[in-house]
Amino acid sequence: MGSALLQSNWTEYRTRVLEGASRSARRPNALQREEAQLAQIESLLHLLCGDTSRQQMLLATYRQNCRLLQSTNEDPLRQQRRLQTLSLHLIEAYWYADWPVFDDDPAIERGSTVLSLLDPAPEAPPAFRFEAAPRNLLQRIGRRLRRRPRQPHSAGMQTLFASQLSYRLTNQVALAAARLSPQSPPLFASSFLRSIKHQTRLAELGYQAPTPSAHCAGAAADLLACDESQRAALAHIASELLHRGLANSMNEGPCLHLCFSPQAMAAAESAPLDSLGL
């Protein structure tokens, strides 16, 4: 029942969060903005789940992430973006809170549902670009020297692994973006699968890295466009997937965070090459 209710109502929850964000942004101080957002989330959680215990879990998740990710010198616009991101993140927390996750990077490498981006066989070759995060100063210097024209800035991936299902879905998105923007270089992927340890570290460093995370469940990808044409194509694809209930998306600065819904993940198992119908 809860899952069916979510599939029919999560887009309405998302719409009402975005509408309420602009109202709470007009509050005169940070505490009032945060209280207004919290009250809004509390009133809307019934749209995500009819289960009262689930509502309490999601509310506790929201409060915990507010404490972990809050900056003491936040300006009003940045605070509002953070609160909005955390509000939309609850959709993914509901979807994937019960999915298995990986405690650390070695656990990812041992995963039975995980593939290496360097050798994704028997899956199709990647239709997107990616690169590993540099491990030392020499690697950072070499990476800067090798940077290609129209390559978006990215810190690089901590681990070059993805879940099989999110890999298939992201490949479909990248191929669709190439068709819509044929003059652009391939789409750039900056993050797939993350361990709990890495996600926690990102939050400690001040990044928007709430928990539980769809990245840790292997259901999300962070994508970067290389130019305006590709950015428009990616926005169009994200909007279509959102409209059809196949993905939740969030703009995180230059990066588009795309979380595939459980419905999309299930479809990717049976139709690995064209389950999104893009």
Protein backbone atom coordinates (compact mmCIF):
# COMPACT_ATOMS: atom_id res chain seq x y z
CA MET A 1 0.00 0.00 0.00
CA GLY A 2 2.72 2.48 0.97
CA SER A 3 4.68 1.86 -2.22
CA ALA A 4 1.60 2.27 -4.43
CA LEU A 5 0.67 5.47 -2.62
CA LEU A 6 4.17 6.80 -3.14
CA GLN A 7 4.16 6.10 -6.87
CA SER A 8 0.95 8.09 -7.31
CA ASN A 9 1.79 11.01 -5.00
CA TRP A 10 5.53 11.68 -4.87
CA THR A 11 5.43 14.09 -7.81
CA GLU A 12 2.70 16.09 -6.06
CA TYR A 13 4.84 16.17 -2.91
CA ARG A 14 7.74 17.47 -5.01
CA THR A 15 5.61 20.18 -6.64
CA ARG A 16 4.27 21.41 -3.32
CA VAL A 17 7.75 21.46 -1.77
CA LEU A 18 9.00 23.69 -4.58
CA GLU A 19 5.96 25.98 -4.29
CA GLY A 20 6.37 26.29 -0.52
CA ALA A 21 10.11 26.96 -0.79
CA SER A 22 9.59 30.40 -2.25
CA ARG A 23 7.17 31.33 0.55
CA SER A 24 9.44 30.20 3.37
CA ALA A 25 12.39 31.99 1.70
CA ARG A 26 10.68 35.31 2.51
CA ARG A 27 10.88 34.70 6.27
CA PRO A 28 13.06 37.35 7.95
CA ASN A 29 15.63 35.11 9.62
CA ALA A 30 17.28 31.71 9.28
CA LEU A 31 15.47 30.07 12.21
CA GLN A 32 12.06 31.10 10.93
CA ARG A 33 12.88 29.84 7.45
CA GLU A 34 13.97 26.48 8.83
CA GLU A 35 10.90 26.20 11.08
CA ALA A 36 8.60 27.08 8.17
CA GLN A 37 10.22 24.43 6.00
CA LEU A 38 10.00 21.83 8.76
CA ALA A 39 6.31 22.56 9.29
CA GLN A 40 5.72 22.22 5.56
CA ILE A 41 7.53 18.87 5.39
CA GLU A 42 5.58 17.57 8.38
CA SER A 43 2.28 18.50 6.72
CA LEU A 44 3.24 16.93 3.37
CA LEU A 45 4.75 13.62 4.43
CA HIS A 46 1.37 11.90 4.21
CA LEU A 47 1.70 12.28 0.43
CA LEU A 48 4.77 10.07 0.48
CA CYS A 49 3.46 7.39 2.78
CA GLY A 50 0.30 6.56 4.65
CA ASP A 51 2.33 4.75 7.30
CA THR A 52 2.69 6.93 10.40
CA SER A 53 5.90 5.20 11.49
CA ARG A 54 7.38 5.88 8.05
CA GLN A 55 6.39 9.53 8.33
CA GLN A 56 8.20 9.77 11.66
CA MET A 57 11.29 8.08 10.19
CA LEU A 58 11.40 10.55 7.31
CA LEU A 59 10.87 13.52 9.61
CA ALA A 60 13.73 12.31 11.84
CA THR A 61 15.91 11.88 8.72
CA TYR A 62 15.16 15.44 7.64
CA ARG A 63 15.99 16.88 11.07
CA GLN A 64 19.21 14.88 11.33
CA ASN A 65 20.42 16.01 7.92
CA CYS A 66 19.53 19.62 8.72
CA ARG A 67 21.83 19.43 11.75
CA LEU A 68 24.64 17.63 9.91
CA LEU A 69 24.68 19.80 6.80
CA GLN A 70 23.95 23.22 8.25
CA SER A 71 26.57 25.92 7.86
CA THR A 72 26.92 28.51 10.60
CA ASN A 73 27.57 31.33 8.10
CA GLU A 74 24.93 30.38 5.54
CA ASP A 75 23.37 33.18 3.52
CA PRO A 76 19.57 33.04 3.03
CA LEU A 77 19.71 31.80 -0.58
CA ARG A 78 22.14 29.00 0.25
CA GLN A 79 20.09 27.99 3.27
CA GLN A 80 16.93 27.84 1.20
CA ARG A 81 18.60 25.70 -1.44
CA ARG A 82 19.86 23.34 1.27
CA LEU A 83 16.41 23.02 2.84
CA GLN A 84 14.84 22.45 -0.56
CA THR A 85 17.38 19.74 -1.41
CA LEU A 86 16.79 17.98 1.90
CA SER A 87 13.04 18.16 1.33
CA LEU A 88 13.28 16.58 -2.11
CA HIS A 89 15.77 14.04 -0.79
CA LEU A 90 13.02 12.52 1.37
CA ILE A 91 11.51 11.03 -1.79
CA GLU A 92 14.69 9.01 -2.26
CA ALA A 93 14.95 8.24 1.45
CA TYR A 94 11.50 6.66 1.26
CA TRP A 95 12.34 4.72 -1.88
CA TYR A 96 15.68 3.31 -0.79
CA ALA A 97 15.93 3.42 3.02
CA ASP A 98 15.54 -0.37 3.15
CA TRP A 99 17.84 -1.24 0.25
CA PRO A 100 21.23 -2.84 1.00
CA VAL A 101 24.17 -0.43 1.08
CA PHE A 102 27.96 -0.73 1.17
CA ASP A 103 29.89 0.24 4.28
CA ASP A 104 33.18 1.05 2.52
CA ASP A 105 34.88 0.97 -0.87
CA PRO A 106 36.20 -2.63 -0.60
CA ALA A 107 32.61 -3.76 0.04
CA ILE A 108 31.56 -2.05 -3.20
CA GLU A 109 34.28 -3.84 -5.17
CA ARG A 110 33.06 -7.20 -3.81
CA GLY A 111 29.40 -6.50 -4.61
CA SER A 112 27.58 -9.04 -6.77
CA THR A 113 25.32 -6.41 -8.39
CA VAL A 114 28.17 -4.00 -9.11
CA LEU A 115 30.23 -3.49 -12.27
CA SER A 116 33.45 -1.63 -13.01
CA LEU A 117 33.16 1.39 -15.29
CA LEU A 118 36.55 0.44 -16.73
CA ASP A 119 35.26 -2.99 -17.82
CA PRO A 120 31.44 -3.04 -17.79
CA ALA A 121 31.06 -6.23 -19.87
CA PRO A 122 28.65 -7.86 -20.54
CA GLU A 123 26.86 -4.48 -20.43
CA ALA A 124 27.08 -2.02 -23.34
CA PRO A 125 30.12 0.30 -23.35
CA PRO A 126 29.55 3.60 -21.50
CA ALA A 127 27.98 6.37 -23.60
CA PHE A 128 29.20 8.92 -21.05
CA ARG A 129 32.62 10.14 -19.89
CA PHE A 130 34.04 9.86 -16.38
CA GLU A 131 37.35 10.06 -14.54
CA ALA A 132 38.79 8.92 -11.25
CA ALA A 133 39.55 11.34 -8.44
CA PRO A 134 43.29 12.04 -8.20
CA ARG A 135 44.95 10.37 -5.22
CA ASN A 136 47.97 12.66 -4.83
CA LEU A 137 49.53 15.94 -5.97
CA LEU A 138 51.22 14.46 -9.04
CA GLN A 139 47.94 12.97 -10.23
CA ARG A 140 46.18 16.31 -9.71
CA ILE A 141 48.82 18.13 -11.77
CA GLY A 142 48.67 15.52 -14.53
CA ARG A 143 44.89 15.68 -14.58
CA ARG A 144 44.94 19.46 -14.95
CA LEU A 145 47.37 19.20 -17.86
CA ARG A 146 45.21 16.57 -19.59
CA ARG A 147 41.92 18.45 -19.19
CA ARG A 148 40.16 18.61 -22.52
CA PRO A 149 38.23 21.52 -24.03
CA ARG A 150 34.57 21.60 -22.97
CA GLN A 151 35.21 19.14 -20.16
CA PRO A 152 33.19 20.21 -17.12
CA HIS A 153 34.95 20.58 -13.80
CA SER A 154 34.58 17.55 -11.55
CA ALA A 155 36.41 16.28 -8.49
CA GLY A 156 36.38 12.81 -10.04
CA MET A 157 34.95 9.56 -8.75
CA GLN A 158 36.10 8.01 -5.51
CA THR A 159 35.32 4.55 -6.89
CA LEU A 160 34.89 3.64 -10.56
CA PHE A 161 31.95 1.33 -9.89
CA ALA A 162 28.21 1.51 -10.48
CA SER A 163 25.27 -0.76 -9.85
CA GLN A 164 24.31 -2.69 -12.98
CA LEU A 165 20.84 -1.14 -13.07
CA SER A 166 21.86 2.50 -12.62
CA TYR A 167 24.57 1.97 -15.25
CA ARG A 168 22.01 0.75 -17.77
CA LEU A 169 19.65 3.64 -17.04
CA THR A 170 22.38 6.29 -17.14
CA ASN A 171 23.61 4.91 -20.45
CA GLN A 172 20.10 5.38 -21.86
CA VAL A 173 20.07 8.99 -20.60
CA ALA A 174 23.49 9.65 -22.14
CA LEU A 175 22.45 8.20 -25.51
CA ALA A 176 19.26 10.29 -25.49
CA ALA A 177 21.29 13.43 -24.68
CA ALA A 178 23.61 12.64 -27.62
CA ARG A 179 20.62 12.40 -29.97
CA LEU A 180 19.18 15.71 -28.73
CA SER A 181 22.54 17.51 -28.79
CA PRO A 182 24.64 15.77 -31.47
CA GLN A 183 27.31 18.48 -31.65
CA SER A 184 28.19 18.17 -27.95
CA PRO A 185 30.81 15.85 -26.45
CA PRO A 186 29.47 12.85 -24.51
CA LEU A 187 27.76 13.59 -21.22
CA PHE A 188 30.01 13.57 -18.14
CA ALA A 189 29.19 11.42 -15.08
CA SER A 190 30.75 12.63 -11.83
CA SER A 191 29.32 10.13 -9.31
CA PHE A 192 27.54 6.79 -9.16
CA LEU A 193 27.87 4.37 -6.30
CA ARG A 194 29.13 5.60 -2.91
CA SER A 195 29.90 3.80 0.31
CA ILE A 196 28.41 4.95 3.61
CA LYS A 197 31.92 5.91 4.71
CA HIS A 198 32.43 8.14 1.67
CA GLN A 199 28.97 9.72 1.95
CA THR A 200 29.62 10.57 5.60
CA ARG A 201 33.00 12.06 4.69
CA LEU A 202 31.40 14.28 2.04
CA ALA A 203 28.91 15.59 4.62
CA GLU A 204 31.75 16.32 7.04
CA LEU A 205 33.49 18.34 4.32
CA GLY A 206 30.38 20.48 3.85
CA TYR A 207 28.92 18.93 0.70
CA GLN A 208 25.20 18.29 0.27
CA ALA A 209 25.43 14.58 1.08
CA PRO A 210 22.37 13.55 3.10
CA THR A 211 21.78 10.05 4.41
CA PRO A 212 20.27 7.61 3.65
CA SER A 213 21.33 8.27 0.08
CA ALA A 214 20.25 6.79 -3.24
CA HIS A 215 23.95 6.91 -4.20
CA CYS A 216 24.66 4.37 -1.46
CA ALA A 217 21.82 2.16 -2.72
CA GLY A 218 23.18 2.31 -6.28
CA ALA A 219 20.16 4.13 -7.70
CA ALA A 220 21.55 7.62 -8.46
CA ALA A 221 23.96 9.34 -10.81
CA ASP A 222 25.35 12.88 -10.83
CA LEU A 223 25.63 14.21 -14.39
CA LEU A 224 27.39 17.23 -15.84
CA ALA A 225 26.61 18.88 -19.18
CA CYS A 226 29.48 20.08 -21.37
CA ASP A 227 27.71 23.05 -22.99
CA GLU A 228 24.39 24.92 -23.08
CA SER A 229 22.91 22.71 -25.77
CA GLN A 230 23.61 19.57 -23.77
CA ARG A 231 22.39 21.24 -20.59
CA ALA A 232 19.04 21.95 -22.27
CA ALA A 233 18.88 18.36 -23.53
CA LEU A 234 19.58 16.97 -20.07
CA ALA A 235 16.95 19.22 -18.51
CA HIS A 236 14.41 18.01 -21.08
CA ILE A 237 15.22 14.36 -20.34
CA ALA A 238 15.02 14.89 -16.57
CA SER A 239 11.65 16.63 -16.96
CA GLU A 240 10.28 13.77 -19.06
CA LEU A 241 11.48 11.13 -16.59
CA LEU A 242 9.97 13.11 -13.72
CA HIS A 243 6.64 13.45 -15.54
CA ARG A 244 6.53 9.68 -16.15
CA GLY A 245 7.48 8.82 -12.55
CA LEU A 246 10.82 7.28 -13.52
CA ALA A 247 13.27 9.63 -11.78
CA ASN A 248 13.59 12.32 -9.15
CA SER A 249 16.02 15.08 -10.12
CA MET A 250 17.72 17.95 -8.32
CA ASN A 251 20.01 20.70 -9.57
CA GLU A 252 23.09 20.75 -7.35
CA GLY A 253 25.01 23.68 -8.76
CA PRO A 254 26.53 22.66 -12.11
CA CYS A 255 25.57 19.04 -11.48
CA LEU A 256 22.21 17.33 -12.09
CA HIS A 257 21.47 14.68 -9.48
CA LEU A 258 19.28 12.01 -11.05
CA CYS A 259 17.74 9.31 -8.86
CA PHE A 260 15.94 6.54 -10.71
CA SER A 261 12.69 5.36 -9.15
CA PRO A 262 12.16 1.74 -8.06
CA GLN A 263 9.83 1.44 -11.06
CA ALA A 264 12.68 2.43 -13.41
CA MET A 265 15.14 0.13 -11.66
CA ALA A 266 12.77 -2.83 -12.02
CA ALA A 267 12.24 -2.08 -15.72
CA ALA A 268 16.00 -2.01 -16.30
CA GLU A 269 16.23 -5.63 -15.18
CA SER A 270 13.95 -6.87 -17.97
CA ALA A 271 14.81 -4.32 -20.69
CA PRO A 272 18.43 -3.24 -20.16
CA LEU A 273 18.81 -1.22 -23.38
CA ASP A 274 15.54 0.71 -23.71
CA SER A 275 13.59 0.52 -20.46
CA LEU A 276 13.20 4.33 -20.21
CA GLY A 277 11.75 4.71 -23.70
CA LEU A 278 13.72 7.89 -24.42
